[in-house]
Protein backbone atom coordinates (compact mmCIF):
# COMPACT_ATOMS: atom_id res chain seq x y z
CA MET A 1 -0.16 -0.03 -0.10
CA SER A 2 2.77 2.49 0.58
CA ILE A 3 3.59 2.18 -3.30
CA LYS A 4 0.03 3.62 -4.12
CA ARG A 5 0.25 6.47 -1.54
CA ALA A 6 3.58 7.41 -2.90
CA LEU A 7 2.28 7.83 -6.34
CA LYS A 8 -0.50 9.86 -4.95
CA ASP A 9 1.67 12.06 -3.19
CA GLY A 10 3.91 12.20 -6.65
CA SER A 11 5.18 11.23 -10.11
CA ALA A 12 5.97 7.71 -10.94
CA ASN A 13 9.56 8.19 -11.20
CA PRO A 14 11.61 7.39 -8.03
CA ILE A 15 14.46 9.73 -8.82
CA SER A 16 12.05 12.59 -8.33
CA ASN A 17 9.69 10.84 -5.96
CA THR A 18 11.62 9.79 -3.00
CA ARG A 19 8.73 8.46 -1.12
CA LEU A 20 8.10 5.99 -4.00
CA ALA A 21 11.96 4.97 -4.20
CA ASP A 22 11.77 4.15 -0.19
CA ALA A 23 8.59 2.09 -0.87
CA LEU A 24 10.38 -0.10 -4.15
CA GLU A 25 13.17 -0.51 -2.09
CA LEU A 26 11.13 -1.72 1.13
CA ALA A 27 9.11 -4.04 -1.64
CA LYS A 28 12.24 -5.34 -2.77
CA LYS A 29 13.54 -6.35 0.41
CA ASN A 30 10.38 -8.22 1.27
CA ASN A 31 10.84 -10.06 -1.90
CA MET A 32 7.95 -8.69 -3.77
CA PRO A 33 7.79 -9.84 -7.48
CA LYS A 34 8.67 -7.24 -10.03
CA SER A 35 5.58 -7.95 -11.79
CA THR A 36 3.43 -7.59 -8.81
CA ILE A 37 5.19 -4.05 -8.30
CA ASN A 38 4.48 -3.08 -11.97
CA SER A 39 0.95 -4.16 -11.78
CA ILE A 40 0.42 -1.71 -8.49
CA ILE A 41 1.83 1.12 -10.29
CA GLU A 42 -0.04 0.47 -13.67
CA ASN A 43 -3.03 0.17 -11.83
CA SER A 44 -2.63 3.01 -9.33
CA GLN A 45 -1.83 5.49 -12.34
CA LYS A 46 -4.75 4.55 -13.93
CA ALA A 47 -6.96 4.89 -10.83
CA MET A 48 -5.43 8.25 -10.15
CA VAL A 49 -7.01 10.05 -13.16
CA ASN A 50 -10.04 10.94 -11.27
CA ALA A 51 -9.32 9.90 -7.90
CA LYS A 52 -9.04 11.42 -4.57
CA GLU A 53 -8.58 10.47 -0.82
CA SER A 54 -11.27 9.89 1.37
CA LEU A 55 -11.56 9.35 4.71
CA PHE A 56 -13.98 6.68 6.90
CA GLU A 57 -14.18 6.92 10.40
CA TYR A 58 -15.51 3.79 12.35
CA ARG A 59 -16.12 3.11 16.12
CA GLY A 60 -16.04 -0.46 18.17
CA ILE A 61 -16.42 -1.41 21.49
CA ASN A 62 -14.65 0.12 24.29
CA GLY A 63 -13.31 3.02 22.91
CA LEU A 64 -11.63 1.49 19.95
CA CYS A 65 -11.86 3.44 16.72
CA LEU A 66 -10.64 3.05 13.32
CA MET A 67 -9.81 5.22 10.36
CA VAL A 68 -9.71 3.71 6.90
CA VAL A 69 -7.92 5.80 4.21
CA VAL A 70 -9.13 5.07 0.39
CA PHE A 71 -7.81 6.41 -2.80
CA THR A 72 -10.57 6.17 -5.52
CA ASP A 73 -12.75 7.65 -8.02
CA ASN A 74 -16.25 6.49 -6.50
CA PRO A 75 -16.22 6.38 -2.51
CA LYS A 76 -19.50 4.52 -2.40
CA ARG A 77 -17.77 1.44 -3.99
CA PRO A 78 -15.10 0.77 -1.16
CA ARG A 79 -17.50 1.71 1.24
CA GLY A 80 -19.66 -1.20 1.02
CA PHE A 81 -16.58 -3.80 1.16
CA ILE A 82 -15.19 -1.76 4.20
CA ASN A 83 -18.73 -1.96 5.99
CA ALA A 84 -18.95 -5.70 5.33
CA ILE A 85 -15.36 -6.43 6.91
CA MET A 86 -16.27 -3.99 9.64
CA LYS A 87 -19.80 -5.20 10.65
CA LYS A 88 -18.27 -8.65 11.48
CA TYR A 89 -15.57 -7.20 13.79
CA GLY A 90 -18.02 -5.30 15.51
CA PHE A 91 -17.29 -1.69 14.07
CA LYS A 92 -19.99 0.61 13.38
CA GLU A 93 -19.38 3.85 10.71
CA ASP A 94 -19.73 6.89 12.54
CA LYS A 95 -21.26 9.28 9.97
CA GLN A 96 -20.18 12.12 12.02
CA GLN A 97 -17.42 13.96 10.21
CA GLY A 98 -14.26 14.41 12.14
CA GLY A 99 -15.95 12.28 15.25
CA VAL A 100 -13.16 9.84 15.09
CA ARG A 101 -10.31 11.97 13.48
CA HIS A 102 -10.04 14.39 16.37
CA MET A 103 -8.73 11.29 18.47
CA PHE A 104 -5.81 11.27 16.56
CA LYS A 105 -2.82 13.92 15.95
CA GLU A 106 -0.91 13.67 12.40
CA ARG A 107 2.93 12.99 12.34
CA GLY A 108 5.78 11.83 10.30
CA LEU A 109 7.30 8.87 11.12
CA ILE A 110 10.59 7.77 9.76
CA VAL A 111 11.61 3.98 10.45
CA THR A 112 15.63 3.36 9.63
CA GLU A 113 17.86 0.60 10.30
CA GLY A 114 19.65 0.77 13.89
CA GLU A 115 22.99 0.74 12.61
CA LEU A 116 25.70 3.39 11.03
CA GLU A 117 28.59 2.38 9.02
CA GLY A 118 28.37 -1.37 10.42
CA LYS A 119 28.02 -0.31 14.20
CA TYR A 120 25.19 -0.14 16.08
CA VAL A 121 23.78 3.21 17.11
CA SER A 122 23.73 4.24 20.83
CA PHE A 123 20.88 5.87 22.52
CA SER A 124 22.56 9.28 22.96
CA ASP A 125 24.12 9.52 19.29
CA ALA A 126 20.40 8.63 18.16
CA GLU A 127 18.87 11.42 20.34
CA ASP A 128 21.36 13.91 18.97
CA HIS A 129 20.83 13.08 15.38
CA ALA A 130 16.91 13.37 16.24
CA ILE A 131 17.52 16.95 17.29
CA GLU A 132 19.98 17.86 14.57
CA VAL A 133 17.61 16.62 11.71
CA GLY A 134 14.56 18.41 13.63
CA ALA A 135 12.53 15.22 14.61
CA GLU A 136 11.03 15.53 17.82
CA GLU A 137 11.39 12.11 19.28
CA VAL A 138 13.11 8.73 18.48
CA GLU A 139 11.99 5.47 19.56
CA VAL A 140 13.38 1.55 19.26
CA VAL A 141 11.09 -0.50 17.42
CA ASN A 142 12.18 -4.21 17.95
CA ASP A 143 10.83 -7.41 16.25
CA THR A 144 7.79 -7.37 17.74
CA LEU A 145 6.55 -4.05 16.69
CA GLN A 146 7.06 -2.65 20.55
CA TYR A 147 8.03 0.89 21.02
CA VAL A 148 10.45 1.72 23.55
CA SER A 149 11.36 5.31 24.31
CA PHE A 150 15.31 6.23 24.92
CA SER A 151 14.71 7.81 28.50
CA ASP A 152 12.71 4.90 29.29
CA ALA A 153 15.41 2.72 28.38
CA GLU A 154 18.08 4.54 29.96
CA ASP A 155 16.09 4.67 33.21
CA HIS A 156 16.05 0.94 33.13
CA ALA A 157 19.76 0.71 32.61
CA ILE A 158 20.39 2.82 35.48
CA GLU A 159 17.85 0.93 37.48
CA VAL A 160 19.47 -2.49 36.78
CA GLY A 161 23.19 -1.28 36.80
CA ALA A 162 24.02 -1.23 33.27
CA GLU A 163 26.65 1.21 31.81
CA GLU A 164 24.87 1.83 28.27
CA VAL A 165 22.43 1.15 26.26
CA GLU A 166 22.40 0.29 22.57
CA VAL A 167 20.18 -0.37 19.52
CA VAL A 168 20.96 -4.29 18.66
CA ASN A 169 19.10 -6.14 15.74
CA ASP A 170 16.15 -3.46 16.09
CA THR A 171 15.18 -0.37 13.93
CA LEU A 172 14.46 2.99 15.04
CA GLN A 173 11.55 5.49 14.28
CA PHE A 174 11.86 9.31 14.30
CA VAL A 175 8.89 11.18 15.04
CA CYS A 176 8.32 14.68 13.65
CA ASP A 177 5.71 17.01 12.58
CA ALA A 178 3.99 16.26 9.18
CA GLY A 179 5.29 19.26 7.45
CA ASP A 180 8.88 18.31 8.26
CA LEU A 181 8.69 14.76 7.25
CA SER A 182 10.55 15.39 3.96
CA ALA A 183 13.36 17.71 5.64
CA VAL A 184 13.81 15.13 8.55
CA ARG A 185 14.20 12.10 5.96
CA SER A 186 16.52 14.19 3.81
CA GLY A 187 18.74 14.91 7.09
CA LEU A 188 18.64 11.17 8.30
CA LYS A 189 19.95 9.98 4.44
CA LYS A 190 22.73 12.44 4.95
CA LEU A 191 23.80 11.23 8.54
CA GLY A 192 24.01 7.61 6.93
CA TYR A 193 20.81 6.25 8.10
CA ALA A 194 19.10 3.60 5.75
CA ILE A 195 15.49 4.50 5.44
CA GLU A 196 12.91 1.51 5.60
CA SER A 197 9.87 3.59 5.85
CA CYS A 198 8.76 7.46 5.22
CA GLU A 199 4.98 7.82 5.89
CA ILE A 200 2.39 10.47 7.35
CA GLU A 201 0.56 8.60 10.19
CA PHE A 202 -2.15 8.80 12.56
CA ILE A 203 -1.15 8.64 16.24
CA PRO A 204 -3.92 8.34 18.83
CA ASN A 205 -4.06 10.76 21.91
CA ASN A 206 -5.21 8.36 23.99
CA PRO A 207 -4.25 4.82 22.69
CA VAL A 208 -6.81 1.75 24.21
CA ALA A 209 -5.31 -1.01 25.64
CA LEU A 210 -6.48 -4.51 24.27
CA GLU A 211 -6.20 -7.89 25.52
CA ASP A 212 -4.76 -10.20 23.50
CA ASP A 213 -7.72 -11.91 21.73
CA GLN A 214 -8.78 -8.20 21.05
CA MET A 215 -5.52 -7.22 19.46
CA GLU A 216 -5.45 -10.24 17.27
CA SER A 217 -9.03 -9.81 16.29
CA LEU A 218 -8.07 -6.11 15.34
CA ILE A 219 -5.02 -7.36 13.43
CA ALA A 220 -7.23 -9.79 11.30
CA CYS A 221 -9.70 -6.93 10.65
CA VAL A 222 -6.85 -4.32 9.79
CA THR A 223 -5.40 -7.23 7.30
CA LYS A 224 -8.53 -7.95 5.55
CA LEU A 225 -9.22 -4.03 4.96
CA GLU A 226 -5.79 -3.45 3.63
CA ASP A 227 -5.94 -6.37 1.25
CA LEU A 228 -8.85 -4.07 -0.53
CA GLU A 229 -7.87 -2.82 -3.57
CA GLU A 230 -8.59 0.82 -3.09
CA VAL A 231 -7.56 0.99 0.71
CA VAL A 232 -4.60 2.99 1.31
CA LYS A 233 -3.93 2.74 4.89
CA VAL A 234 -5.91 1.86 8.51
CA HIS A 235 -5.31 3.80 11.40
CA ALA A 236 -6.24 2.21 15.07
CA ASN A 237 -6.32 4.04 18.22
CA ALA A 238 -4.80 0.69 19.96
CA ALA A 239 -1.89 0.65 22.24
């Protein structure tokens, strides 16, 4: 889906469209066949002639909410498929425009590898780099997609008597204002960071904690939504 979003925001030339270049690089790392990549680009370009972005908002139980971003020339077409999936997982569409949107803040998220020049990045260096390029904060993302702030990790290190904390086999997530995304990305690349993804995301103001079975159900729901042809992104206010 990131290829579609990159095409929506820029040209089909990865030289001039840096977001597309990042998306193509990530797709290749994930072993996506070249034929599939070419098909996505071709179909997306055809659909972009009269297409525009639309946002559908949904509410579930216990305060859980979803926002589904679609890119289509006819919002009624994907809405039926989306509503069918949402109904199966206990969500109802919020017809009050902006009722769910105000629960999120728009931020730029740039995920990079946790190494520079073959060496793991220390917490202090990553924080210095974040300040240098204009990011608001930086977090560690481990293999289970859990986020750990540097300040928390350093506090834990002091608590257990460790001398230093490094990022090992994990990635870094730099958070910035949505309007600064391009500049922060460029700054990180100049410092030598390998960019894995670069997106504008909606971050929940008050994330909702879920039980394991609820999280499994949410993941299944989001997966089915993102498999729909015209769905670009799904945002949830889950912790």
